[in-house]
Amino acid sequence: VIAVGNALGQGIRATEGIVSRKGASLPVDQGQTLYDLIETSAAINPGNSGGPLVNLAGEVVGITSAKIASIGVEGMGYAISIDTATPIIQELVNKGYVTRAWLGVSLYTVDQIAIRQLGLSVNKGVLLVQVVPGSPADKAGLKEGN
């Protein structure tokens, strides 16, 4: 695959890589995770994120969006798959904005460990482990640990 964009403001350029994984998930912010990503070794840097990820047939397969930037980590860039992006693009064209549901919680599926450690009286469901301040869940009065 080829990632195209204006990386680091150096002009339009292309970087090549392979698709390492499809359907990847990546937490990017408090209470926000990106899903259905394409993991690639093509370099993704400020300026070329948001550009196309193109296969060798010239077809856009994704929109570059994120990378893991840590010491010792190389070649872990992510693109939103074109299948996920297309309905969003269409909504932007039709309405001028995208409507997204957002609750603002992080959940943990109740398992035997949670039951024992927290003394839960239920054996299935989810536990609220985080309520993002100012989120709809916070405004509705949801509390962590419930």
N, C-alpha and C. Protein backbone atom coordinates (compact mmCIF):
# COMPACT_ATOMS: atom_id res chain seq x y z
N VAL A 1 0.85 -1.19 0.00
CA VAL A 1 0.00 0.00 0.00
C VAL A 1 0.89 1.24 0.00
N ILE A 2 0.32 2.34 -0.42
CA ILE A 2 1.00 3.62 -0.48
C ILE A 2 0.17 4.65 0.30
N ALA A 3 0.82 5.37 1.23
CA ALA A 3 0.18 6.48 1.94
C ALA A 3 0.64 7.76 1.27
N VAL A 4 -0.33 8.59 0.88
CA VAL A 4 -0.03 9.82 0.15
C VAL A 4 -0.44 11.02 0.99
N GLY A 5 0.42 12.05 1.03
CA GLY A 5 0.07 13.26 1.76
C GLY A 5 1.23 14.22 1.84
N ASN A 6 1.04 15.28 2.61
CA ASN A 6 2.04 16.32 2.77
C ASN A 6 2.71 16.14 4.13
N ALA A 7 3.42 15.03 4.28
CA ALA A 7 4.03 14.70 5.57
C ALA A 7 5.02 15.76 6.00
N LEU A 8 4.83 16.23 7.24
CA LEU A 8 5.71 17.21 7.87
C LEU A 8 5.86 18.49 7.06
N GLY A 9 4.87 18.78 6.19
CA GLY A 9 4.89 20.00 5.40
C GLY A 9 5.99 20.02 4.35
N GLN A 10 6.47 18.87 3.95
CA GLN A 10 7.58 18.78 3.01
C GLN A 10 7.11 18.63 1.56
N GLY A 11 5.83 18.82 1.31
CA GLY A 11 5.30 18.64 -0.04
C GLY A 11 4.69 17.26 -0.20
N ILE A 12 3.93 17.10 -1.25
CA ILE A 12 3.24 15.82 -1.48
C ILE A 12 4.27 14.73 -1.70
N ARG A 13 4.09 13.66 -0.96
CA ARG A 13 4.99 12.52 -1.07
C ARG A 13 4.23 11.25 -0.77
N ALA A 14 4.85 10.15 -1.10
CA ALA A 14 4.24 8.84 -0.88
C ALA A 14 5.20 7.97 -0.08
N THR A 15 4.63 7.21 0.85
CA THR A 15 5.42 6.22 1.58
C THR A 15 4.77 4.87 1.35
N GLU A 16 5.58 3.84 1.26
CA GLU A 16 5.06 2.51 0.97
C GLU A 16 5.13 1.64 2.21
N GLY A 17 4.28 0.64 2.21
CA GLY A 17 4.27 -0.30 3.32
C GLY A 17 3.42 -1.50 2.98
N ILE A 18 3.22 -2.33 3.96
CA ILE A 18 2.36 -3.50 3.80
C ILE A 18 1.19 -3.35 4.76
N VAL A 19 0.13 -4.09 4.48
CA VAL A 19 -0.99 -4.18 5.41
C VAL A 19 -0.64 -5.28 6.40
N SER A 20 -0.51 -4.89 7.66
CA SER A 20 -0.18 -5.85 8.70
C SER A 20 -1.41 -6.54 9.27
N ARG A 21 -2.50 -5.79 9.32
CA ARG A 21 -3.72 -6.32 9.94
C ARG A 21 -4.90 -5.50 9.48
N LYS A 22 -6.04 -6.15 9.35
CA LYS A 22 -7.31 -5.47 9.06
C LYS A 22 -8.23 -5.66 10.25
N GLY A 23 -9.16 -4.72 10.44
CA GLY A 23 -10.12 -4.84 11.54
C GLY A 23 -9.53 -4.52 12.90
N ALA A 24 -8.44 -3.75 12.93
CA ALA A 24 -7.79 -3.40 14.19
C ALA A 24 -8.59 -2.33 14.94
N SER A 25 -8.41 -2.28 16.26
CA SER A 25 -9.00 -1.25 17.12
C SER A 25 -7.86 -0.52 17.81
N LEU A 26 -8.06 0.79 18.05
CA LEU A 26 -7.01 1.59 18.67
C LEU A 26 -7.64 2.65 19.57
N PRO A 27 -7.38 2.59 20.90
CA PRO A 27 -7.85 3.66 21.77
C PRO A 27 -7.06 4.93 21.47
N VAL A 28 -7.75 6.04 21.22
CA VAL A 28 -7.07 7.28 20.84
C VAL A 28 -7.27 8.41 21.82
N ASP A 29 -8.27 8.32 22.66
CA ASP A 29 -8.56 9.39 23.60
C ASP A 29 -9.38 8.80 24.74
N GLN A 30 -9.53 9.56 25.79
CA GLN A 30 -10.30 9.11 26.94
C GLN A 30 -11.73 8.79 26.50
N GLY A 31 -12.10 7.52 26.58
CA GLY A 31 -13.45 7.11 26.21
C GLY A 31 -13.69 7.00 24.72
N GLN A 32 -12.62 7.07 23.88
CA GLN A 32 -12.81 6.99 22.43
C GLN A 32 -11.86 5.96 21.84
N THR A 33 -12.41 5.08 21.03
CA THR A 33 -11.64 4.05 20.34
C THR A 33 -12.02 4.06 18.88
N LEU A 34 -11.03 3.94 18.01
CA LEU A 34 -11.28 3.80 16.58
C LEU A 34 -11.35 2.31 16.26
N TYR A 35 -12.31 1.93 15.43
CA TYR A 35 -12.53 0.52 15.07
C TYR A 35 -12.39 0.32 13.57
N ASP A 36 -12.25 -0.93 13.17
CA ASP A 36 -12.17 -1.33 11.76
C ASP A 36 -11.05 -0.61 11.03
N LEU A 37 -9.89 -0.57 11.67
CA LEU A 37 -8.73 0.10 11.09
C LEU A 37 -7.88 -0.88 10.30
N ILE A 38 -7.12 -0.32 9.38
CA ILE A 38 -6.12 -1.07 8.65
C ILE A 38 -4.77 -0.69 9.26
N GLU A 39 -4.05 -1.67 9.79
CA GLU A 39 -2.71 -1.41 10.31
C GLU A 39 -1.73 -1.55 9.16
N THR A 40 -0.84 -0.57 9.03
CA THR A 40 0.12 -0.58 7.93
C THR A 40 1.50 -0.15 8.40
N SER A 41 2.51 -0.61 7.69
CA SER A 41 3.87 -0.17 7.97
C SER A 41 4.23 1.08 7.18
N ALA A 42 3.34 1.56 6.31
CA ALA A 42 3.58 2.81 5.58
C ALA A 42 3.67 3.95 6.60
N ALA A 43 4.66 4.82 6.44
CA ALA A 43 4.87 5.90 7.39
C ALA A 43 3.69 6.88 7.38
N ILE A 44 3.15 7.14 8.56
CA ILE A 44 2.08 8.12 8.73
C ILE A 44 2.58 9.16 9.71
N ASN A 45 2.67 10.39 9.24
CA ASN A 45 3.21 11.49 10.03
C ASN A 45 2.28 12.69 9.92
N PRO A 46 2.45 13.68 10.82
CA PRO A 46 1.63 14.88 10.70
C PRO A 46 1.72 15.45 9.28
N GLY A 47 0.58 15.71 8.69
CA GLY A 47 0.54 16.23 7.34
C GLY A 47 0.05 15.23 6.32
N ASN A 48 0.35 13.94 6.53
CA ASN A 48 -0.21 12.97 5.59
C ASN A 48 -1.34 12.17 6.22
N SER A 49 -1.63 12.38 7.52
CA SER A 49 -2.82 11.76 8.07
C SER A 49 -4.02 12.47 7.43
N GLY A 50 -5.02 11.71 7.11
CA GLY A 50 -6.17 12.24 6.38
C GLY A 50 -6.04 12.05 4.89
N GLY A 51 -4.89 11.60 4.45
CA GLY A 51 -4.68 11.32 3.03
C GLY A 51 -5.06 9.88 2.70
N PRO A 52 -5.05 9.55 1.43
CA PRO A 52 -5.47 8.21 1.04
C PRO A 52 -4.39 7.15 1.31
N LEU A 53 -4.86 5.96 1.61
CA LEU A 53 -4.04 4.76 1.62
C LEU A 53 -4.49 3.98 0.41
N VAL A 54 -3.58 3.78 -0.53
CA VAL A 54 -3.92 3.24 -1.85
C VAL A 54 -3.26 1.88 -2.03
N ASN A 55 -4.00 0.92 -2.61
CA ASN A 55 -3.37 -0.37 -2.92
C ASN A 55 -2.63 -0.27 -4.25
N LEU A 56 -1.95 -1.32 -4.63
CA LEU A 56 -1.12 -1.27 -5.83
C LEU A 56 -1.93 -1.25 -7.12
N ALA A 57 -3.25 -1.43 -7.02
CA ALA A 57 -4.13 -1.30 -8.18
C ALA A 57 -4.63 0.15 -8.30
N GLY A 58 -4.19 1.03 -7.40
CA GLY A 58 -4.59 2.43 -7.45
C GLY A 58 -5.92 2.70 -6.77
N GLU A 59 -6.46 1.73 -6.03
CA GLU A 59 -7.75 1.89 -5.36
C GLU A 59 -7.52 2.42 -3.94
N VAL A 60 -8.33 3.40 -3.54
CA VAL A 60 -8.25 3.90 -2.17
C VAL A 60 -8.87 2.85 -1.25
N VAL A 61 -8.07 2.34 -0.32
CA VAL A 61 -8.55 1.32 0.61
C VAL A 61 -8.74 1.87 2.01
N GLY A 62 -8.24 3.09 2.26
CA GLY A 62 -8.38 3.68 3.57
C GLY A 62 -7.97 5.14 3.59
N ILE A 63 -8.20 5.76 4.74
CA ILE A 63 -7.80 7.14 4.99
C ILE A 63 -6.87 7.11 6.18
N THR A 64 -5.61 7.51 5.97
CA THR A 64 -4.64 7.45 7.06
C THR A 64 -5.10 8.32 8.21
N SER A 65 -4.92 7.81 9.44
CA SER A 65 -5.50 8.55 10.55
C SER A 65 -4.67 8.59 11.82
N ALA A 66 -3.85 7.59 12.10
CA ALA A 66 -3.16 7.57 13.39
C ALA A 66 -1.93 6.69 13.30
N LYS A 67 -1.06 6.86 14.28
CA LYS A 67 0.09 5.97 14.42
C LYS A 67 0.40 5.84 15.89
N ILE A 68 1.10 4.77 16.22
CA ILE A 68 1.60 4.63 17.58
C ILE A 68 3.00 5.20 17.58
N ALA A 69 3.22 6.22 18.39
CA ALA A 69 4.50 6.89 18.44
C ALA A 69 5.09 6.72 19.84
N SER A 70 5.91 5.70 20.00
CA SER A 70 6.59 5.45 21.26
C SER A 70 8.02 5.04 20.96
N ILE A 71 8.87 5.21 21.94
CA ILE A 71 10.25 4.76 21.77
C ILE A 71 10.23 3.25 21.54
N GLY A 72 10.90 2.82 20.50
CA GLY A 72 10.98 1.41 20.18
C GLY A 72 9.85 0.88 19.32
N VAL A 73 8.91 1.75 18.95
CA VAL A 73 7.78 1.32 18.11
C VAL A 73 7.97 1.91 16.73
N GLU A 74 7.96 1.06 15.72
CA GLU A 74 8.08 1.52 14.35
C GLU A 74 7.06 0.80 13.49
N GLY A 75 6.60 1.47 12.45
CA GLY A 75 5.76 0.82 11.45
C GLY A 75 4.40 0.41 11.94
N MET A 76 3.80 1.20 12.83
CA MET A 76 2.44 0.90 13.27
C MET A 76 1.56 2.11 13.01
N GLY A 77 1.18 2.27 11.74
CA GLY A 77 0.28 3.33 11.33
C GLY A 77 -1.10 2.73 11.09
N TYR A 78 -2.11 3.56 11.15
CA TYR A 78 -3.48 3.08 11.01
C TYR A 78 -4.27 3.95 10.05
N ALA A 79 -5.11 3.30 9.28
CA ALA A 79 -6.00 3.99 8.35
C ALA A 79 -7.42 3.52 8.60
N ILE A 80 -8.36 4.44 8.49
CA ILE A 80 -9.78 4.08 8.57
C ILE A 80 -10.11 3.37 7.26
N SER A 81 -10.72 2.19 7.36
CA SER A 81 -11.02 1.45 6.13
C SER A 81 -12.02 2.23 5.28
N ILE A 82 -11.92 2.08 3.99
CA ILE A 82 -12.81 2.80 3.08
C ILE A 82 -14.26 2.37 3.30
N ASP A 83 -14.47 1.12 3.73
CA ASP A 83 -15.84 0.66 4.01
C ASP A 83 -16.45 1.42 5.18
N THR A 84 -15.65 1.78 6.16
CA THR A 84 -16.12 2.58 7.29
C THR A 84 -16.25 4.05 6.89
N ALA A 85 -15.31 4.54 6.08
CA ALA A 85 -15.27 5.96 5.72
C ALA A 85 -16.37 6.37 4.74
N THR A 86 -16.75 5.49 3.82
CA THR A 86 -17.69 5.86 2.76
C THR A 86 -19.02 6.40 3.29
N PRO A 87 -19.69 5.74 4.24
CA PRO A 87 -20.95 6.30 4.74
C PRO A 87 -20.76 7.65 5.43
N ILE A 88 -19.63 7.85 6.09
CA ILE A 88 -19.35 9.11 6.76
C ILE A 88 -19.16 10.21 5.71
N ILE A 89 -18.40 9.89 4.67
CA ILE A 89 -18.18 10.86 3.59
C ILE A 89 -19.51 11.23 2.96
N GLN A 90 -20.36 10.24 2.73
CA GLN A 90 -21.66 10.50 2.12
C GLN A 90 -22.53 11.38 3.01
N GLU A 91 -22.47 11.16 4.33
CA GLU A 91 -23.24 11.99 5.26
C GLU A 91 -22.71 13.44 5.26
N LEU A 92 -21.40 13.60 5.16
CA LEU A 92 -20.83 14.95 5.08
C LEU A 92 -21.29 15.65 3.81
N VAL A 93 -21.31 14.93 2.69
CA VAL A 93 -21.76 15.51 1.42
C VAL A 93 -23.23 15.89 1.51
N ASN A 94 -24.06 14.99 2.06
CA ASN A 94 -25.50 15.21 2.09
C ASN A 94 -25.95 16.24 3.14
N LYS A 95 -25.36 16.19 4.35
CA LYS A 95 -25.83 17.03 5.44
C LYS A 95 -24.85 18.12 5.86
N GLY A 96 -23.58 17.93 5.53
CA GLY A 96 -22.57 18.90 5.93
C GLY A 96 -21.97 18.61 7.29
N TYR A 97 -22.44 17.59 7.98
CA TYR A 97 -21.92 17.21 9.28
C TYR A 97 -22.25 15.74 9.52
N VAL A 98 -21.62 15.17 10.54
CA VAL A 98 -21.84 13.77 10.89
C VAL A 98 -22.48 13.70 12.26
N THR A 99 -23.52 12.92 12.38
CA THR A 99 -24.18 12.69 13.65
C THR A 99 -23.64 11.40 14.24
N ARG A 100 -23.15 11.47 15.46
CA ARG A 100 -22.61 10.29 16.13
C ARG A 100 -23.20 10.16 17.52
N ALA A 101 -23.54 8.96 17.87
CA ALA A 101 -23.97 8.69 19.24
C ALA A 101 -22.73 8.57 20.12
N TRP A 102 -22.80 9.13 21.33
CA TRP A 102 -21.67 9.05 22.25
C TRP A 102 -22.22 9.04 23.67
N LEU A 103 -21.85 8.03 24.41
CA LEU A 103 -22.32 7.91 25.78
C LEU A 103 -21.27 8.45 26.75
N GLY A 104 -19.99 8.14 26.50
CA GLY A 104 -18.92 8.64 27.36
C GLY A 104 -18.61 7.74 28.54
N VAL A 105 -18.58 6.43 28.29
CA VAL A 105 -18.26 5.48 29.35
C VAL A 105 -17.25 4.46 28.85
N SER A 106 -16.52 3.88 29.79
CA SER A 106 -15.72 2.70 29.51
C SER A 106 -16.34 1.58 30.32
N LEU A 107 -16.45 0.42 29.68
CA LEU A 107 -17.15 -0.70 30.30
C LEU A 107 -16.22 -1.89 30.47
N TYR A 108 -16.51 -2.72 31.45
CA TYR A 108 -15.80 -3.97 31.67
C TYR A 108 -16.85 -5.06 31.76
N THR A 109 -16.71 -6.09 30.96
CA THR A 109 -17.66 -7.20 31.00
C THR A 109 -17.47 -7.98 32.29
N VAL A 110 -18.55 -8.16 33.04
CA VAL A 110 -18.50 -8.87 34.31
C VAL A 110 -18.02 -10.30 34.06
N ASP A 111 -17.00 -10.69 34.81
CA ASP A 111 -16.48 -12.06 34.75
C ASP A 111 -16.25 -12.54 36.18
N GLN A 112 -15.73 -13.75 36.32
CA GLN A 112 -15.53 -14.32 37.66
C GLN A 112 -14.54 -13.52 38.50
N ILE A 113 -13.54 -12.93 37.86
CA ILE A 113 -12.56 -12.11 38.59
C ILE A 113 -13.25 -10.89 39.18
N ALA A 114 -14.05 -10.19 38.38
CA ALA A 114 -14.75 -8.99 38.87
C ALA A 114 -15.74 -9.38 39.97
N ILE A 115 -16.43 -10.49 39.81
CA ILE A 115 -17.39 -10.94 40.82
C ILE A 115 -16.70 -11.15 42.16
N ARG A 116 -15.54 -11.85 42.13
CA ARG A 116 -14.80 -12.12 43.37
C ARG A 116 -14.19 -10.85 43.96
N GLN A 117 -13.49 -10.07 43.14
CA GLN A 117 -12.78 -8.90 43.65
C GLN A 117 -13.71 -7.81 44.16
N LEU A 118 -14.86 -7.65 43.49
CA LEU A 118 -15.77 -6.56 43.86
C LEU A 118 -16.98 -7.02 44.65
N GLY A 119 -17.08 -8.34 44.85
CA GLY A 119 -18.21 -8.86 45.61
C GLY A 119 -19.54 -8.59 44.94
N LEU A 120 -19.57 -8.72 43.60
CA LEU A 120 -20.79 -8.42 42.86
C LEU A 120 -21.87 -9.46 43.14
N SER A 121 -23.11 -9.02 43.10
CA SER A 121 -24.24 -9.93 43.33
C SER A 121 -24.84 -10.41 42.03
N VAL A 122 -24.22 -10.08 40.91
CA VAL A 122 -24.67 -10.53 39.60
C VAL A 122 -23.54 -11.31 38.93
N ASN A 123 -23.91 -12.15 37.95
CA ASN A 123 -22.86 -12.92 37.28
C ASN A 123 -22.77 -12.63 35.78
N LYS A 124 -23.47 -11.59 35.33
CA LYS A 124 -23.36 -11.17 33.94
C LYS A 124 -23.70 -9.69 33.84
N GLY A 125 -23.28 -9.09 32.72
CA GLY A 125 -23.52 -7.67 32.50
C GLY A 125 -22.22 -6.94 32.31
N VAL A 126 -22.26 -5.62 32.51
CA VAL A 126 -21.07 -4.79 32.39
C VAL A 126 -20.95 -3.90 33.61
N LEU A 127 -19.73 -3.51 33.89
CA LEU A 127 -19.43 -2.62 35.00
C LEU A 127 -18.92 -1.31 34.43
N LEU A 128 -19.44 -0.19 34.90
CA LEU A 128 -18.95 1.11 34.47
C LEU A 128 -17.62 1.37 35.18
N VAL A 129 -16.54 1.39 34.42
CA VAL A 129 -15.23 1.63 35.02
C VAL A 129 -14.79 3.08 34.84
N GLN A 130 -15.42 3.79 33.91
CA GLN A 130 -15.09 5.20 33.72
C GLN A 130 -16.29 5.93 33.16
N VAL A 131 -16.57 7.10 33.70
CA VAL A 131 -17.56 8.01 33.16
C VAL A 131 -16.82 9.30 32.83
N VAL A 132 -16.79 9.66 31.57
CA VAL A 132 -16.05 10.85 31.12
C VAL A 132 -16.77 12.10 31.63
N PRO A 133 -16.03 12.97 32.33
CA PRO A 133 -16.64 14.21 32.83
C PRO A 133 -17.25 15.03 31.69
N GLY A 134 -18.47 15.52 31.92
CA GLY A 134 -19.16 16.33 30.93
C GLY A 134 -19.84 15.54 29.83
N SER A 135 -19.71 14.22 29.86
CA SER A 135 -20.31 13.38 28.82
C SER A 135 -21.81 13.22 29.06
N PRO A 136 -22.54 12.71 28.07
CA PRO A 136 -23.97 12.44 28.29
C PRO A 136 -24.20 11.50 29.48
N ALA A 137 -23.33 10.51 29.67
CA ALA A 137 -23.48 9.59 30.80
C ALA A 137 -23.32 10.34 32.12
N ASP A 138 -22.35 11.25 32.18
CA ASP A 138 -22.12 12.06 33.38
C ASP A 138 -23.33 12.94 33.65
N LYS A 139 -23.84 13.59 32.61
CA LYS A 139 -25.00 14.47 32.77
C LYS A 139 -26.25 13.70 33.19
N ALA A 140 -26.31 12.41 32.81
CA ALA A 140 -27.46 11.58 33.18
C ALA A 140 -27.30 11.01 34.60
N GLY A 141 -26.13 11.24 35.22
CA GLY A 141 -25.94 10.80 36.59
C GLY A 141 -25.33 9.42 36.74
N LEU A 142 -24.84 8.82 35.67
CA LEU A 142 -24.20 7.52 35.79
C LEU A 142 -22.91 7.66 36.57
N LYS A 143 -22.59 6.65 37.40
CA LYS A 143 -21.42 6.69 38.27
C LYS A 143 -20.54 5.47 38.02
N GLU A 144 -19.25 5.68 38.13
CA GLU A 144 -18.30 4.57 38.00
C GLU A 144 -18.56 3.54 39.08
N GLY A 145 -18.34 2.28 38.73
CA GLY A 145 -18.52 1.20 39.69
C GLY A 145 -19.93 0.65 39.73
N ASN A 146 -20.81 1.17 38.90
CA ASN A 146 -22.21 0.68 38.88
C ASN A 146 -22.46 -0.16 37.65
